[in-house]
N, C-alpha and C. Protein backbone atom coordinates (compact mmCIF):
# COMPACT_ATOMS: atom_id res chain seq x y z
N ARG A 1 63.97 121.50 109.11
CA ARG A 1 64.35 121.93 107.77
C ARG A 1 64.05 123.39 107.57
N TYR A 2 62.82 123.75 107.65
CA TYR A 2 62.44 125.15 107.57
C TYR A 2 61.05 125.29 108.15
N PHE A 3 60.63 126.52 108.44
CA PHE A 3 59.32 126.73 109.04
C PHE A 3 58.66 127.92 108.36
N ILE A 4 57.49 127.70 107.84
CA ILE A 4 56.66 128.76 107.28
C ILE A 4 55.32 128.65 107.99
N ASP A 5 54.96 129.66 108.71
CA ASP A 5 53.82 129.55 109.62
C ASP A 5 52.44 129.80 109.04
N ASP A 6 52.36 130.28 107.79
CA ASP A 6 51.02 130.56 107.26
C ASP A 6 50.38 129.39 106.52
N GLY A 7 51.09 128.34 106.37
CA GLY A 7 50.56 127.15 105.73
C GLY A 7 50.30 127.26 104.25
N SER A 8 50.72 128.33 103.64
CA SER A 8 50.48 128.48 102.18
C SER A 8 51.74 128.16 101.40
N THR A 9 51.55 127.80 100.16
CA THR A 9 52.69 127.58 99.28
C THR A 9 53.26 128.89 98.72
N ALA A 10 52.50 129.96 98.85
CA ALA A 10 52.97 131.25 98.33
C ALA A 10 54.24 131.68 99.05
N SER A 11 54.28 131.51 100.36
CA SER A 11 55.47 131.88 101.13
C SER A 11 56.67 131.01 100.74
N LEU A 12 56.37 129.74 100.48
CA LEU A 12 57.43 128.79 100.05
C LEU A 12 58.00 129.21 98.70
N LYS A 13 57.16 129.61 97.78
CA LYS A 13 57.58 130.07 96.47
C LYS A 13 58.41 131.36 96.58
N LYS A 14 57.99 132.26 97.47
CA LYS A 14 58.74 133.50 97.67
C LYS A 14 60.13 133.18 98.22
N ALA A 15 60.15 132.28 99.20
CA ALA A 15 61.45 131.89 99.81
C ALA A 15 62.34 131.26 98.76
N LYS A 16 61.77 130.43 97.91
CA LYS A 16 62.58 129.76 96.87
C LYS A 16 63.21 130.81 95.93
N VAL A 17 62.44 131.81 95.53
CA VAL A 17 62.97 132.87 94.65
C VAL A 17 64.09 133.63 95.34
N ILE A 18 63.92 133.95 96.59
CA ILE A 18 64.91 134.70 97.33
C ILE A 18 66.18 133.87 97.48
N LEU A 19 66.05 132.61 97.87
CA LEU A 19 67.22 131.74 98.03
C LEU A 19 67.95 131.52 96.71
N LYS A 20 67.18 131.33 95.65
CA LYS A 20 67.82 131.16 94.34
C LYS A 20 68.61 132.40 93.94
N SER A 21 68.07 133.58 94.24
CA SER A 21 68.79 134.80 93.87
C SER A 21 70.08 134.95 94.68
N ILE A 22 70.04 134.55 95.97
CA ILE A 22 71.23 134.58 96.79
C ILE A 22 72.30 133.63 96.23
N LEU A 23 71.87 132.46 95.83
CA LEU A 23 72.79 131.44 95.33
C LEU A 23 73.32 131.73 93.94
N SER A 24 72.64 132.63 93.21
CA SER A 24 73.10 132.96 91.86
C SER A 24 74.29 133.92 91.89
N GLY A 25 74.59 134.46 93.06
CA GLY A 25 75.77 135.36 93.22
C GLY A 25 77.05 134.56 93.19
N PRO A 26 78.13 135.20 93.50
CA PRO A 26 79.44 134.49 93.50
C PRO A 26 79.43 133.30 94.46
N VAL A 27 80.02 132.19 94.02
CA VAL A 27 80.08 130.97 94.82
C VAL A 27 81.02 131.23 95.97
N SER A 28 80.56 130.88 97.15
CA SER A 28 81.33 131.11 98.35
C SER A 28 81.33 129.84 99.21
N LYS A 29 82.42 129.65 99.96
CA LYS A 29 82.47 128.51 100.85
C LYS A 29 82.10 128.93 102.28
N SER A 30 81.30 129.94 102.40
CA SER A 30 80.93 130.44 103.72
C SER A 30 79.85 129.55 104.36
N PHE A 31 79.76 129.67 105.65
CA PHE A 31 78.75 128.94 106.43
C PHE A 31 77.36 129.32 105.94
N TYR A 32 77.15 130.59 105.65
CA TYR A 32 75.82 131.06 105.25
C TYR A 32 75.43 130.52 103.88
N ASN A 33 76.39 130.46 102.98
CA ASN A 33 76.11 129.89 101.67
C ASN A 33 75.69 128.43 101.81
N ASP A 34 76.39 127.73 102.68
CA ASP A 34 76.08 126.30 102.94
C ASP A 34 74.65 126.19 103.44
N GLN A 35 74.28 126.99 104.42
CA GLN A 35 72.93 126.93 104.99
C GLN A 35 71.85 127.33 104.04
N VAL A 36 72.12 128.39 103.22
CA VAL A 36 71.14 128.81 102.22
C VAL A 36 70.91 127.70 101.21
N ARG A 37 72.00 127.07 100.77
CA ARG A 37 71.86 126.01 99.80
C ARG A 37 71.10 124.81 100.36
N ARG A 38 71.35 124.45 101.63
CA ARG A 38 70.61 123.36 102.25
C ARG A 38 69.11 123.67 102.33
N LEU A 39 68.78 124.89 102.68
CA LEU A 39 67.39 125.28 102.75
C LEU A 39 66.75 125.23 101.37
N TYR A 40 67.46 125.71 100.37
CA TYR A 40 66.97 125.66 98.99
C TYR A 40 66.74 124.23 98.56
N ILE A 41 67.65 123.35 98.89
CA ILE A 41 67.52 121.91 98.54
C ILE A 41 66.26 121.33 99.22
N ALA A 42 66.04 121.69 100.48
CA ALA A 42 64.86 121.19 101.21
C ALA A 42 63.57 121.62 100.49
N ILE A 43 63.55 122.86 100.05
CA ILE A 43 62.34 123.33 99.34
C ILE A 43 62.19 122.62 98.01
N LEU A 44 63.27 122.44 97.29
CA LEU A 44 63.21 121.71 96.02
C LEU A 44 62.71 120.29 96.24
N GLU A 45 63.19 119.64 97.31
CA GLU A 45 62.77 118.30 97.60
C GLU A 45 61.26 118.27 97.91
N ASP A 46 60.79 119.22 98.69
CA ASP A 46 59.38 119.26 99.03
C ASP A 46 58.52 119.51 97.80
N GLU A 47 59.05 120.25 96.83
CA GLU A 47 58.33 120.53 95.59
C GLU A 47 58.51 119.40 94.57
N LYS A 48 59.23 118.38 94.96
CA LYS A 48 59.53 117.22 94.12
C LYS A 48 60.31 117.56 92.85
N ASP A 49 61.12 118.62 92.96
CA ASP A 49 62.03 119.01 91.87
C ASP A 49 63.38 118.33 92.15
N TYR A 50 63.37 117.01 92.00
CA TYR A 50 64.48 116.20 92.43
C TYR A 50 65.75 116.44 91.57
N LYS A 51 65.55 116.65 90.28
CA LYS A 51 66.70 116.90 89.41
C LYS A 51 67.48 118.13 89.87
N GLU A 52 66.76 119.20 90.12
CA GLU A 52 67.42 120.44 90.57
C GLU A 52 68.02 120.27 91.97
N ALA A 53 67.32 119.52 92.81
CA ALA A 53 67.86 119.27 94.17
C ALA A 53 69.19 118.50 94.08
N LEU A 54 69.24 117.50 93.20
CA LEU A 54 70.49 116.75 93.04
C LEU A 54 71.61 117.63 92.48
N ASN A 55 71.28 118.54 91.58
CA ASN A 55 72.29 119.46 91.06
C ASN A 55 72.83 120.33 92.20
N GLU A 56 71.94 120.82 93.05
CA GLU A 56 72.37 121.67 94.17
C GLU A 56 73.18 120.86 95.17
N ILE A 57 72.81 119.60 95.41
CA ILE A 57 73.59 118.75 96.32
C ILE A 57 75.02 118.57 95.80
N ASP A 58 75.14 118.33 94.51
CA ASP A 58 76.48 118.18 93.92
C ASP A 58 77.33 119.43 94.11
N LYS A 59 76.69 120.62 93.91
CA LYS A 59 77.38 121.87 94.16
C LYS A 59 77.81 121.98 95.61
N LEU A 60 76.88 121.64 96.51
CA LEU A 60 77.15 121.72 97.93
C LEU A 60 78.32 120.80 98.33
N LEU A 61 78.35 119.61 97.77
CA LEU A 61 79.42 118.65 98.10
C LEU A 61 80.81 119.22 97.69
N MET A 62 80.84 120.04 96.67
CA MET A 62 82.13 120.64 96.26
C MET A 62 82.56 121.79 97.17
N LEU A 63 81.61 122.35 97.91
CA LEU A 63 81.90 123.56 98.68
C LEU A 63 82.13 123.30 100.16
N ILE A 64 81.58 122.23 100.70
CA ILE A 64 81.60 122.05 102.15
C ILE A 64 82.82 121.29 102.61
N ALA A 65 83.10 121.42 103.91
CA ALA A 65 84.20 120.72 104.53
C ALA A 65 83.90 119.22 104.51
N ASP A 66 84.95 118.42 104.51
CA ASP A 66 84.83 116.99 104.46
C ASP A 66 83.98 116.44 105.59
N LYS A 67 84.09 117.04 106.76
CA LYS A 67 83.33 116.53 107.93
C LYS A 67 81.84 116.66 107.77
N ASN A 68 81.37 117.53 106.88
CA ASN A 68 79.96 117.74 106.66
C ASN A 68 79.38 116.93 105.50
N LYS A 69 80.22 116.25 104.76
CA LYS A 69 79.76 115.55 103.58
C LYS A 69 78.87 114.35 103.86
N PRO A 70 79.08 113.59 104.96
CA PRO A 70 78.15 112.47 105.17
C PRO A 70 76.68 112.89 105.25
N GLU A 71 76.40 114.02 105.91
CA GLU A 71 75.01 114.46 106.03
C GLU A 71 74.44 114.83 104.67
N VAL A 72 75.24 115.46 103.82
CA VAL A 72 74.78 115.84 102.51
C VAL A 72 74.64 114.59 101.61
N LEU A 73 75.54 113.65 101.73
CA LEU A 73 75.39 112.38 100.99
C LEU A 73 74.13 111.65 101.39
N LEU A 74 73.76 111.74 102.65
CA LEU A 74 72.51 111.15 103.09
C LEU A 74 71.32 111.82 102.44
N MET A 75 71.36 113.15 102.32
CA MET A 75 70.34 113.89 101.60
C MET A 75 70.22 113.38 100.17
N LYS A 76 71.41 113.14 99.58
CA LYS A 76 71.43 112.64 98.19
C LYS A 76 70.76 111.27 98.11
N VAL A 77 71.08 110.39 99.05
CA VAL A 77 70.47 109.05 99.04
C VAL A 77 68.96 109.16 99.15
N ARG A 78 68.48 110.05 100.02
CA ARG A 78 67.03 110.21 100.22
C ARG A 78 66.35 110.66 98.93
N ILE A 79 66.98 111.60 98.22
CA ILE A 79 66.38 112.09 96.97
C ILE A 79 66.47 111.04 95.85
N LEU A 80 67.59 110.35 95.81
CA LEU A 80 67.75 109.28 94.80
C LEU A 80 66.72 108.18 95.03
N LYS A 81 66.38 107.92 96.31
CA LYS A 81 65.34 106.94 96.61
C LYS A 81 63.98 107.40 96.07
N CYS A 82 63.72 108.68 96.16
CA CYS A 82 62.46 109.24 95.69
C CYS A 82 62.29 109.05 94.16
N ILE A 83 63.38 109.09 93.44
CA ILE A 83 63.29 108.95 91.97
C ILE A 83 63.59 107.53 91.52
N GLY A 84 63.93 106.65 92.47
CA GLY A 84 64.15 105.24 92.12
C GLY A 84 65.48 104.99 91.42
N ASP A 85 66.48 105.79 91.69
CA ASP A 85 67.79 105.64 91.07
C ASP A 85 68.64 104.67 91.93
N GLU A 86 68.49 103.39 91.69
CA GLU A 86 69.13 102.36 92.48
C GLU A 86 70.67 102.45 92.35
N GLU A 87 71.14 102.66 91.15
CA GLU A 87 72.59 102.76 90.91
C GLU A 87 73.17 103.99 91.66
N GLY A 88 72.48 105.12 91.58
CA GLY A 88 72.94 106.31 92.27
C GLY A 88 72.96 106.09 93.81
N ILE A 89 71.95 105.43 94.32
CA ILE A 89 71.88 105.13 95.74
C ILE A 89 73.09 104.27 96.15
N LEU A 90 73.33 103.23 95.39
CA LEU A 90 74.44 102.32 95.72
C LEU A 90 75.79 103.05 95.63
N ASN A 91 75.95 103.95 94.67
CA ASN A 91 77.20 104.74 94.53
C ASN A 91 77.39 105.65 95.74
N ALA A 92 76.31 106.30 96.15
CA ALA A 92 76.39 107.21 97.29
C ALA A 92 76.71 106.46 98.57
N ILE A 93 76.08 105.31 98.73
CA ILE A 93 76.32 104.47 99.94
C ILE A 93 77.74 103.97 99.91
N ALA A 94 78.25 103.55 98.75
CA ALA A 94 79.61 103.09 98.65
C ALA A 94 80.61 104.19 99.05
N LEU A 95 80.34 105.42 98.61
CA LEU A 95 81.19 106.52 98.97
C LEU A 95 81.12 106.78 100.48
N LEU A 96 79.93 106.71 101.05
CA LEU A 96 79.80 106.89 102.49
C LEU A 96 80.60 105.82 103.25
N ARG A 97 80.47 104.57 102.81
CA ARG A 97 81.15 103.46 103.48
C ARG A 97 82.68 103.57 103.32
N GLU A 98 83.10 104.01 102.16
CA GLU A 98 84.53 104.10 101.88
C GLU A 98 85.21 105.24 102.64
N LYS A 99 84.60 106.39 102.64
CA LYS A 99 85.26 107.56 103.18
C LYS A 99 84.79 107.95 104.60
N TYR A 100 83.57 107.53 104.97
CA TYR A 100 82.98 107.97 106.23
C TYR A 100 82.37 106.83 106.98
N SER A 101 83.08 105.70 107.03
CA SER A 101 82.51 104.47 107.61
C SER A 101 82.05 104.57 109.05
N SER A 102 82.64 105.49 109.81
CA SER A 102 82.26 105.63 111.21
C SER A 102 81.10 106.59 111.44
N SER A 103 80.59 107.19 110.37
CA SER A 103 79.49 108.16 110.53
C SER A 103 78.14 107.44 110.66
N VAL A 104 77.25 108.06 111.40
CA VAL A 104 75.93 107.44 111.59
C VAL A 104 75.12 107.49 110.28
N GLU A 105 75.55 108.37 109.38
CA GLU A 105 74.81 108.46 108.10
C GLU A 105 74.92 107.21 107.24
N VAL A 106 75.93 106.40 107.47
CA VAL A 106 76.06 105.15 106.71
C VAL A 106 74.87 104.25 107.04
N LYS A 107 74.59 104.08 108.31
CA LYS A 107 73.47 103.21 108.71
C LYS A 107 72.14 103.81 108.25
N LYS A 108 72.02 105.11 108.35
CA LYS A 108 70.78 105.76 107.91
C LYS A 108 70.56 105.59 106.42
N ALA A 109 71.65 105.71 105.63
CA ALA A 109 71.55 105.55 104.17
C ALA A 109 71.18 104.11 103.84
N LEU A 110 71.75 103.15 104.54
CA LEU A 110 71.38 101.74 104.31
C LEU A 110 69.94 101.49 104.63
N ALA A 111 69.45 102.12 105.70
CA ALA A 111 68.02 101.98 106.09
C ALA A 111 67.11 102.56 105.03
N ILE A 112 67.47 103.71 104.52
CA ILE A 112 66.66 104.35 103.44
C ILE A 112 66.65 103.43 102.23
N HIS A 113 67.79 102.89 101.88
CA HIS A 113 67.88 102.00 100.74
C HIS A 113 66.97 100.79 100.88
N LEU A 114 66.84 100.29 102.09
CA LEU A 114 66.05 99.08 102.34
C LEU A 114 64.55 99.35 102.42
N LEU A 115 64.13 100.60 102.48
CA LEU A 115 62.71 100.94 102.56
C LEU A 115 61.97 100.52 101.31
């Protein structure tokens, strides 16, 4: 996901500020915007800011290519599991099964749901 070698949360907070400022610019469908948003989501998840992480996931789903959506939907299932949103989990899994039934993320999402 990401690596910060000093073990402090100060570096994580700095990274979050920088990433947020990058994402506040014009919305782009570039590879780099995708990667920056994924990193930002990972930090939000680690900070347990699940609401903001879900908002960023929804933005990411609108920007990325269809082939990359199963991985992001799996991220969504994981975060929804953290907040106990059973209906949201089932909706995300249904979308995965409907549109991406051959992806490995379907089985992973089902496993997360069963935890």
